[in-house]
Protein backbone atom coordinates (compact mmCIF):
# COMPACT_ATOMS: atom_id res chain seq x y z
CA MET A 1 0.09 -0.16 -0.02
CA MET A 2 1.53 3.38 -1.10
CA TYR A 3 1.72 6.25 1.36
CA PHE A 4 2.90 9.72 0.57
CA ILE A 5 5.10 11.91 2.80
CA TYR A 6 4.31 15.54 2.05
CA GLY A 7 5.37 18.74 3.17
CA LEU A 8 3.39 22.09 3.37
CA ILE A 9 5.37 25.28 2.48
CA ASP A 10 4.79 28.81 3.68
CA PRO A 11 4.81 30.86 0.34
CA SER A 12 6.20 33.80 2.01
CA THR A 13 9.24 32.17 3.53
CA MET A 14 9.59 28.99 1.33
CA ARG A 15 9.92 26.99 4.43
CA VAL A 16 8.43 23.69 5.22
CA PHE A 17 6.10 24.12 8.35
CA HIS A 18 4.40 20.80 8.45
CA VAL A 19 5.16 17.29 7.47
CA GLY A 20 2.42 14.69 7.05
CA CYS A 21 1.81 11.22 5.90
CA ALA A 22 -1.34 9.89 4.12
CA ARG A 23 -2.48 7.73 1.37
CA ASP A 24 -4.06 10.59 -0.37
CA PRO A 25 -2.49 14.11 0.97
CA ASN A 26 -5.09 16.35 -0.58
CA PRO A 27 -8.16 15.60 1.80
CA THR A 28 -5.82 15.78 4.73
CA LEU A 29 -5.53 19.71 4.35
CA ASN A 30 -9.05 19.74 5.96
CA VAL A 31 -8.02 17.93 9.19
CA LEU A 32 -4.51 19.18 9.88
CA PRO A 33 -3.28 19.18 13.41
CA ALA A 34 -4.17 22.35 15.37
CA PRO A 35 -0.83 24.04 14.92
CA ALA A 36 -0.64 23.35 11.29
CA ALA A 37 -4.22 24.54 10.77
CA CYS A 38 -3.29 27.83 12.66
CA LYS A 39 -0.42 28.38 10.39
CA VAL A 40 -2.71 27.83 7.45
CA ALA A 41 -4.99 30.48 8.81
CA GLU A 42 -2.26 32.77 9.40
CA ILE A 43 -0.89 33.05 5.85
CA ALA A 44 -4.42 33.33 4.38
CA PRO A 45 -5.59 34.50 1.85
CA ALA A 46 -2.42 32.85 0.34
CA THR A 47 -2.53 29.07 0.46
CA PRO A 48 0.41 26.61 1.52
CA GLN A 49 2.34 24.90 -1.27
CA MET A 50 2.38 21.07 -1.08
CA VAL A 51 5.44 19.04 -2.19
CA ILE A 52 5.71 15.20 -2.07
CA LEU A 53 8.76 14.39 -0.47
CA GLN A 54 8.50 10.65 -0.85
CA ALA A 55 6.41 7.80 -1.94
CA ALA A 56 6.71 4.83 0.75
CA GLU A 57 5.35 1.38 0.31
CA ALA A 58 7.25 0.14 3.42
CA HIS A 59 7.82 1.73 6.78
CA PRO A 60 5.66 5.08 6.12
CA GLN A 61 5.97 5.90 10.03
CA VAL A 62 9.80 5.77 9.92
CA GLU A 63 10.11 7.69 6.60
CA TRP A 64 7.75 10.24 8.09
CA VAL A 65 9.86 10.77 11.32
CA LYS A 66 13.00 10.99 9.05
CA TRP A 67 11.41 13.85 6.94
CA CYS A 68 10.25 15.66 10.37
CA LYS A 69 13.58 15.30 11.78
CA ARG A 70 15.13 16.76 8.71
CA PHE A 71 12.78 19.78 8.66
CA ARG A 72 12.53 19.97 12.60
CA ARG A 73 13.71 23.56 12.94
CA ASP A 74 10.95 25.05 10.82
CA LEU A 75 7.94 22.83 11.87
CA VAL A 76 5.06 24.02 13.91
CA THR A 77 3.96 20.53 14.82
CA SER A 78 5.98 18.42 17.20
CA ASP A 79 4.05 15.17 17.29
CA TRP A 80 6.80 13.12 15.61
CA GLY A 81 8.83 13.90 18.65
CA ARG A 82 6.80 11.05 20.36
CA TYR A 83 8.60 8.54 18.24
CA GLU A 84 12.10 9.19 19.99
CA SER A 85 13.52 5.75 19.34
CA ILE A 86 12.94 6.24 15.50
CA ALA A 87 14.16 9.73 15.64
CA ASN A 88 17.31 8.75 17.31
CA ALA A 89 18.06 6.07 14.56
CA PHE A 90 18.82 8.94 12.32
CA THR A 91 21.66 10.09 14.23
CA ASN A 92 23.64 6.97 13.11
CA SER A 93 23.42 5.68 9.61
CA ASN A 94 23.86 1.93 10.81
CA ARG A 95 20.75 2.71 13.19
CA ALA A 96 18.70 4.05 10.34
CA LYS A 97 19.34 1.05 8.30
CA ARG A 98 18.25 -1.12 10.93
CA ALA A 99 15.07 0.78 11.41
CA LEU A 100 14.24 0.36 7.79
CA GLY A 101 15.05 -3.37 8.06
CA GLU A 102 17.98 -3.40 6.06
CA GLN A 103 21.24 -5.47 6.94
CA VAL A 104 24.12 -3.88 8.41
CA PRO A 105 27.46 -5.27 9.86
CA SER A 106 27.12 -5.73 13.62
CA ASP A 107 28.71 -3.45 16.06
CA ALA A 108 30.82 -6.36 17.35
CA SER A 109 32.29 -6.66 13.82
CA TYR A 110 33.34 -3.04 13.86
CA GLN A 111 35.02 -3.64 17.20
CA ALA A 112 37.02 -6.63 15.90
CA LYS A 113 38.21 -4.79 12.72
CA PHE A 114 39.39 -1.75 14.82
CA HIS A 115 41.35 -3.86 17.18
CA GLU A 116 42.99 -5.78 14.41
CA PHE A 117 43.84 -2.54 12.56
CA ASP A 118 45.24 -0.89 15.88
CA ARG A 119 47.29 -3.94 16.61
CA GLN A 120 48.90 -3.78 13.17
CA ASN A 121 49.51 -0.02 13.21
CA ARG A 122 50.82 0.92 16.43
CA LYS A 123 53.00 3.73 14.97
CA ALA A 124 49.59 5.27 13.59
CA PHE A 125 48.36 5.54 17.04
CA ASP A 126 51.51 6.74 18.61
CA GLU A 127 51.51 9.59 16.01
CA MET A 128 47.79 10.45 16.89
CA LEU A 129 48.70 10.68 20.65
CA ARG A 130 51.78 12.90 19.69
CA ILE A 131 49.45 15.38 17.69
CA ALA A 132 46.57 15.39 20.39
CA ARG A 133 49.21 16.30 23.20
CA ALA A 134 50.57 19.11 20.80
CA LEU A 135 47.16 20.39 20.34
CA ARG A 136 46.50 20.35 24.07
CA ALA A 137 49.96 21.95 24.80
CA GLU A 138 48.82 24.80 22.31
CA GLY A 139 45.88 25.49 24.59
CA ARG A 140 43.20 23.85 22.50
CA LYS A 141 40.18 23.12 24.75
CA VAL A 142 38.37 21.17 21.99
CA SER A 143 39.44 19.73 18.60
CA SER A 144 38.42 17.12 16.12
CA ILE A 145 39.75 13.72 15.66
CA ASP A 146 39.38 14.47 11.99
CA VAL A 147 42.23 17.03 12.30
CA ILE A 148 44.46 14.25 13.69
CA VAL A 149 43.34 11.55 11.27
CA ASN A 150 43.79 13.63 8.17
CA GLU A 151 47.23 14.68 9.12
CA ILE A 152 48.26 11.06 9.49
CA ARG A 153 46.70 10.19 6.21
CA TRP A 154 48.66 12.71 4.45
CA GLU A 155 51.95 12.88 6.33
CA GLY A 156 52.04 10.13 9.00
CA PRO A 157 53.30 6.79 8.93
CA ASP A 158 51.88 4.31 6.24
CA THR A 159 49.51 1.79 7.45
CA ASN A 160 48.07 -1.58 6.51
CA HIS A 161 44.87 -0.33 4.53
CA THR A 162 41.58 -1.33 5.63
CA ASP A 163 38.59 -1.21 3.23
CA GLY A 164 40.90 0.71 0.73
CA PHE A 165 41.57 3.56 3.16
CA LYS A 166 44.85 4.26 5.03
CA ILE A 167 42.46 4.80 8.22
CA SER A 168 38.91 3.98 7.93
CA ASN A 169 36.39 6.56 8.97
CA SER A 170 34.64 3.95 11.08
CA PHE A 171 37.74 4.03 13.36
CA ARG A 172 37.68 7.64 14.21
CA ALA A 173 35.24 7.32 17.19
CA PHE A 174 37.24 4.44 18.67
CA TYR A 175 40.52 6.44 18.38
CA ALA A 176 38.82 9.48 20.08
CA ARG A 177 38.10 7.40 23.06
CA LYS A 178 41.25 5.37 23.13
CA LEU A 179 43.15 8.56 23.24
CA GLN A 180 41.43 10.00 26.20
CA MET A 181 41.71 6.76 27.84
CA VAL A 182 45.50 6.44 27.51
CA ASP A 183 46.35 10.11 28.41
CA LEU A 184 44.02 11.78 30.94
CA SER A 185 45.07 15.02 29.89
CA LEU A 186 43.22 14.62 26.64
CA CYS A 187 39.94 14.32 28.52
CA GLY A 188 37.37 16.70 26.89
CA LEU A 189 39.46 17.40 23.81
CA PHE A 190 36.81 15.58 21.67
CA ALA A 191 32.92 15.96 21.69
CA MET A 192 31.08 12.81 21.64
CA ARG A 193 27.58 11.29 21.77
CA GLU A 194 26.33 7.74 21.73
CA SER A 195 28.31 5.55 19.36
CA MET A 196 29.02 2.03 18.67
CA ALA A 197 32.49 2.76 19.77
CA ASP A 198 31.12 3.15 23.34
CA ASP A 199 31.66 -0.61 23.70
CA LEU A 200 35.33 -0.22 23.50
CA VAL A 201 37.39 -2.25 25.76
CA LEU A 202 41.26 -1.83 25.65
CA GLU A 203 43.75 -4.65 25.65
CA ASP A 204 44.39 -4.05 29.32
CA GLY A 205 40.78 -4.83 29.94
CA ARG A 206 39.54 -1.16 30.83
CA SER A 207 36.40 -0.29 29.14
CA TRP A 208 35.34 2.97 27.81
CA ARG A 209 31.79 2.91 29.55
CA GLU A 210 33.45 2.50 32.96
CA PHE A 211 36.08 5.09 31.92
CA ALA A 212 33.26 7.47 30.99
CA ARG A 213 31.57 7.07 34.31
CA GLU A 214 34.71 7.60 36.30
CA HIS A 215 35.72 10.78 34.25
CA SER A 216 32.40 12.27 33.39
CA ASP A 217 33.12 15.67 34.75
CA ASP A 218 36.22 15.90 32.71
CA LEU A 219 34.86 14.58 29.36
CA ARG A 220 32.99 16.60 26.76
CA PHE A 221 29.45 15.30 25.53
CA ALA A 222 27.47 16.78 22.80
CA GLY A 223 24.29 18.46 23.62
CA PRO A 224 20.85 17.48 22.49
CA GLU A 225 20.43 17.21 18.72
CA GLY A 226 19.38 20.41 17.05
CA THR A 227 20.91 22.76 19.68
CA ASP A 228 23.35 25.47 19.37
CA GLU A 229 25.91 23.23 21.41
CA GLU A 230 25.58 20.32 18.74
CA ASP A 231 26.02 22.76 15.72
CA THR A 232 29.30 24.10 17.21
CA GLN A 233 30.97 21.03 18.16
CA TRP A 234 32.59 18.12 16.41
CA THR A 235 30.81 14.88 17.75
CA TYR A 236 32.01 11.23 17.50
């Protein structure tokens, strides 16, 4: 059965103020949620423009939440926020794929790949540690693991490539955590949010989750999605 995800656009601002989901969007304009109906009355005598964002045969609710989250800063309705578990899935591409029923590599497989890569490339981590300490010594309160990884990609020691890359992007979150666990002075250098790398366990048996609990006052965690804090931090 086909459903249509549609957006209503304010013609004066050209911004989407409501996202809906229906088999036939046209009749729904007469039964809009109260905030959207008030917006329609506010822009009268002009009428909102409608755009079909997506036709969905499967998982229409998931697709609707996805589009609501995309336009969340302009929407006058917030009913999609009730589906927090679905909305949160779209902060992580693998979660989104799982929510849509697609097959993705397990988090455990990423853990195993990271540990194997890290064992084979000790010089790469040593160089990351040197760069991170130098950034801290310069007075940096917050930086990005991308800065460090990209420097090694261009100028650092060669590595045993994984998936065709000198250092896979999927390892960045693991390294951001390992660096802080190895050197406490680096705590807070990277802003983080929930990640599959949260299950990291070092070779000496120390786990990131336990470390994060013990050093929560020193670590830097990203603010709620959509806040100014989130927009100004690098997150891993």
